[in-house]
C-alpha atoms as a PDB file:
ATOM      1  CA  UNK A   1       3.324   9.232  -7.424  1.00  0.00           C
ATOM      2  CA  UNK A   2       3.352   6.341  -9.830  1.00  0.00           C
ATOM      3  CA  UNK A   3       0.105   4.502  -8.949  1.00  0.00           C
ATOM      4  CA  UNK A   4      -1.886   7.155  -7.096  1.00  0.00           C
ATOM      5  CA  UNK A   5      -5.097   8.010  -8.952  1.00  0.00           C
ATOM      6  CA  UNK A   6      -4.456   5.122 -11.362  1.00  0.00           C
ATOM      7  CA  UNK A   7      -4.392   1.975  -9.206  1.00  0.00           C
ATOM      8  CA  UNK A   8      -5.666   3.563  -6.001  1.00  0.00           C
ATOM      9  CA  UNK A   9      -7.121   6.832  -4.731  1.00  0.00           C
ATOM     10  CA  UNK A  10      -6.650   8.148  -1.204  1.00  0.00           C
ATOM     11  CA  UNK A  11     -10.042   8.835   0.370  1.00  0.00           C
ATOM     12  CA  UNK A  12      -8.834   9.919   3.808  1.00  0.00           C
ATOM     13  CA  UNK A  13      -5.750  10.179   5.963  1.00  0.00           C
ATOM     14  CA  UNK A  14      -5.417   9.792   9.736  1.00  0.00           C
ATOM     15  CA  UNK A  15      -1.876  10.950  10.500  1.00  0.00           C
ATOM     16  CA  UNK A  16       0.111  10.856  13.710  1.00  0.00           C
ATOM     17  CA  UNK A  17       3.774  11.751  14.259  1.00  0.00           C
ATOM     18  CA  UNK A  18       5.396   8.731  12.600  1.00  0.00           C
ATOM     19  CA  UNK A  19       2.374   6.662  11.592  1.00  0.00           C
ATOM     20  CA  UNK A  20      -0.740   7.042   9.513  1.00  0.00           C
ATOM     21  CA  UNK A  21      -3.732   5.156   8.214  1.00  0.00           C
ATOM     22  CA  UNK A  22      -4.815   5.877   4.666  1.00  0.00           C
ATOM     23  CA  UNK A  23      -8.270   4.837   3.520  1.00  0.00           C
ATOM     24  CA  UNK A  24      -7.909   4.066  -0.182  1.00  0.00           C
ATOM     25  CA  UNK A  25     -10.214   3.025  -2.973  1.00  0.00           C
ATOM     26  CA  UNK A  26      -8.848   0.385  -5.308  1.00  0.00           C
ATOM     27  CA  UNK A  27      -9.666   1.633  -8.800  1.00  0.00           C
ATOM     28  CA  UNK A  28     -11.141  -1.198 -10.901  1.00  0.00           C
ATOM     29  CA  UNK A  29     -10.561   0.587 -14.225  1.00  0.00           C
ATOM     30  CA  UNK A  30      -6.753   0.522 -13.841  1.00  0.00           C
ATOM     31  CA  UNK A  31      -5.128  -0.994 -16.910  1.00  0.00           C
ATOM     32  CA  UNK A  32      -3.055  -3.338 -14.716  1.00  0.00           C
ATOM     33  CA  UNK A  33      -6.142  -5.556 -14.579  1.00  0.00           C
ATOM     34  CA  UNK A  34      -6.035  -6.023 -18.363  1.00  0.00           C
ATOM     35  CA  UNK A  35      -3.348  -8.612 -17.711  1.00  0.00           C
ATOM     36  CA  UNK A  36      -4.052  -9.469 -14.075  1.00  0.00           C
ATOM     37  CA  UNK A  37      -6.740 -10.969 -14.753  1.00  0.00           C
ATOM     38  CA  UNK A  38      -9.426  -9.824 -17.215  1.00  0.00           C
ATOM     39  CA  UNK A  39     -12.904 -10.606 -15.949  1.00  0.00           C
ATOM     40  CA  UNK A  40     -11.596 -11.646 -12.518  1.00  0.00           C
ATOM     41  CA  UNK A  41      -9.188  -8.861 -11.462  1.00  0.00           C
ATOM     42  CA  UNK A  42      -6.624  -9.518  -8.724  1.00  0.00           C
ATOM     43  CA  UNK A  43      -4.461  -6.806  -7.151  1.00  0.00           C
ATOM     44  CA  UNK A  44      -0.842  -7.675  -7.986  1.00  0.00           C
ATOM     45  CA  UNK A  45       1.415  -7.922  -4.949  1.00  0.00           C
ATOM     46  CA  UNK A  46       3.944  -5.604  -6.567  1.00  0.00           C
ATOM     47  CA  UNK A  47       1.241  -2.912  -6.894  1.00  0.00           C
ATOM     48  CA  UNK A  48       0.336  -3.368  -3.222  1.00  0.00           C
ATOM     49  CA  UNK A  49       4.009  -2.911  -2.281  1.00  0.00           C
ATOM     50  CA  UNK A  50       4.276   0.201  -4.466  1.00  0.00           C
ATOM     51  CA  UNK A  51       1.114   1.596  -2.839  1.00  0.00           C
ATOM     52  CA  UNK A  52       2.680   1.082   0.599  1.00  0.00           C
ATOM     53  CA  UNK A  53       5.865   2.833  -0.584  1.00  0.00           C
ATOM     54  CA  UNK A  54       3.885   5.791  -1.958  1.00  0.00           C
ATOM     55  CA  UNK A  55       1.857   6.144   1.252  1.00  0.00           C
ATOM     56  CA  UNK A  56       5.085   5.965   3.301  1.00  0.00           C
ATOM     57  CA  UNK A  57       6.481   8.758   1.110  1.00  0.00           C
ATOM     58  CA  UNK A  58       3.416  10.879   1.901  1.00  0.00           C
ATOM     59  CA  UNK A  59       3.851  10.156   5.596  1.00  0.00           C
ATOM     60  CA  UNK A  60       7.505  11.260   5.769  1.00  0.00           C
ATOM     61  CA  UNK A  61       7.136  14.075   3.239  1.00  0.00           C
ATOM     62  CA  UNK A  62       9.697  12.940   0.678  1.00  0.00           C
ATOM     63  CA  UNK A  63      10.026  10.418  -2.108  1.00  0.00           C
ATOM     64  CA  UNK A  64      11.299   7.103  -0.819  1.00  0.00           C
ATOM     65  CA  UNK A  65      12.658   4.002  -2.464  1.00  0.00           C
ATOM     66  CA  UNK A  66      12.709   0.485  -1.132  1.00  0.00           C
ATOM     67  CA  UNK A  67      16.138  -0.421   0.155  1.00  0.00           C
ATOM     68  CA  UNK A  68      15.233  -3.853   1.517  1.00  0.00           C
ATOM     69  CA  UNK A  69      12.198  -5.954   2.303  1.00  0.00           C
ATOM     70  CA  UNK A  70      12.578  -7.953   5.479  1.00  0.00           C
ATOM     71  CA  UNK A  71       9.143  -9.536   5.305  1.00  0.00           C
ATOM     72  CA  UNK A  72       6.183  -9.328   2.965  1.00  0.00           C
ATOM     73  CA  UNK A  73       3.216 -11.636   3.300  1.00  0.00           C
ATOM     74  CA  UNK A  74       0.201 -11.810   1.042  1.00  0.00           C
ATOM     75  CA  UNK A  75      -2.356 -13.180   3.468  1.00  0.00           C
ATOM     76  CA  UNK A  76      -5.463 -12.931   1.262  1.00  0.00           C
ATOM     77  CA  UNK A  77      -6.296 -12.085  -2.324  1.00  0.00           C
ATOM     78  CA  UNK A  78      -7.273  -8.447  -2.739  1.00  0.00           C
ATOM     79  CA  UNK A  79      -9.532  -7.550  -5.639  1.00  0.00           C
ATOM     80  CA  UNK A  80     -11.278  -4.317  -6.557  1.00  0.00           C
ATOM     81  CA  UNK A  81     -14.612  -6.154  -6.441  1.00  0.00           C
ATOM     82  CA  UNK A  82     -14.196  -7.971  -3.100  1.00  0.00           C
ATOM     83  CA  UNK A  83     -12.469  -5.130  -1.253  1.00  0.00           C
ATOM     84  CA  UNK A  84     -13.043  -1.876  -3.151  1.00  0.00           C
ATOM     85  CA  UNK A  85     -11.767   0.119  -0.161  1.00  0.00           C
ATOM     86  CA  UNK A  86      -8.948  -0.818   2.212  1.00  0.00           C
ATOM     87  CA  UNK A  87      -6.946   0.744   5.006  1.00  0.00           C
ATOM     88  CA  UNK A  88      -3.201   1.068   4.638  1.00  0.00           C
ATOM     89  CA  UNK A  89      -1.709   1.431   8.112  1.00  0.00           C
ATOM     90  CA  UNK A  90       1.925   2.530   8.118  1.00  0.00           C
ATOM     91  CA  UNK A  91       4.599   3.218  10.689  1.00  0.00           C
ATOM     92  CA  UNK A  92       7.858   4.840   9.523  1.00  0.00           C
ATOM     93  CA  UNK A  93      10.549   4.952  12.196  1.00  0.00           C
ATOM     94  CA  UNK A  94      13.612   7.041  11.251  1.00  0.00           C
ATOM     95  CA  UNK A  95      16.956   5.269  11.522  1.00  0.00           C
ATOM     96  CA  UNK A  96      19.926   7.344  10.349  1.00  0.00           C
ATOM     97  CA  UNK A  97      19.100   8.175   6.697  1.00  0.00           C
ATOM     98  CA  UNK A  98      16.536   5.371   6.377  1.00  0.00           C
ATOM     99  CA  UNK A  99      13.041   4.612   7.605  1.00  0.00           C
ATOM    100  CA  UNK A 100      12.028   1.279   9.084  1.00  0.00           C
ATOM    101  CA  UNK A 101       8.555   0.794   7.675  1.00  0.00           C
ATOM    102  CA  UNK A 102       5.884  -1.609   8.832  1.00  0.00           C
ATOM    103  CA  UNK A 103       2.544  -1.652   7.070  1.00  0.00           C
ATOM    104  CA  UNK A 104      -0.648  -3.598   6.602  1.00  0.00           C
ATOM    105  CA  UNK A 105      -3.306  -3.532   3.939  1.00  0.00           C
ATOM    106  CA  UNK A 106      -6.615  -4.582   5.446  1.00  0.00           C
ATOM    107  CA  UNK A 107     -10.326  -3.947   5.591  1.00  0.00           C
ATOM    108  CA  UNK A 108     -12.837  -4.673   8.338  1.00  0.00           C
ATOM    109  CA  UNK A 109     -12.938  -8.375   7.404  1.00  0.00           C
ATOM    110  CA  UNK A 110      -9.324  -9.385   6.837  1.00  0.00           C
ATOM    111  CA  UNK A 111      -5.705  -8.479   6.273  1.00  0.00           C
ATOM    112  CA  UNK A 112      -4.456  -8.717   2.686  1.00  0.00           C
ATOM    113  CA  UNK A 113      -0.771  -7.915   3.124  1.00  0.00           C
ATOM    114  CA  UNK A 114       1.783  -7.285   5.847  1.00  0.00           C
ATOM    115  CA  UNK A 115       5.073  -5.561   5.089  1.00  0.00           C
ATOM    116  CA  UNK A 116       8.314  -4.827   6.946  1.00  0.00           C
ATOM    117  CA  UNK A 117      11.224  -3.157   5.213  1.00  0.00           C
ATOM    118  CA  UNK A 118      13.721  -0.346   4.982  1.00  0.00           C
ATOM    119  CA  UNK A 119      13.041   2.648   2.746  1.00  0.00           C
ATOM    120  CA  UNK A 120      15.311   5.589   2.033  1.00  0.00           C
END
């Protein structure tokens, strides 16, 4: 995986047949924060999307790529200092050769991102 153990680390996994919740730690020492933003790090949306894709790949047991994004909303600013641990809840419904994926990144206080898309 591209960002696993660099940008985030999976702490636990609660898996069901076609859904899972991953508890992840956002790693503050990731070099992405050197440019996003030093001294006041903010999790880039593209890294959040990649994290969702990597967790979806774990869920279905194969490497996936994003085919299309139907909806992606950044609903709050995630930072490694404000929310050092988050839950990534994912559903991956098979559809022919693709997976319809819905996901949220949230903690106990708020939701940081919602995502709906097709991965294959």
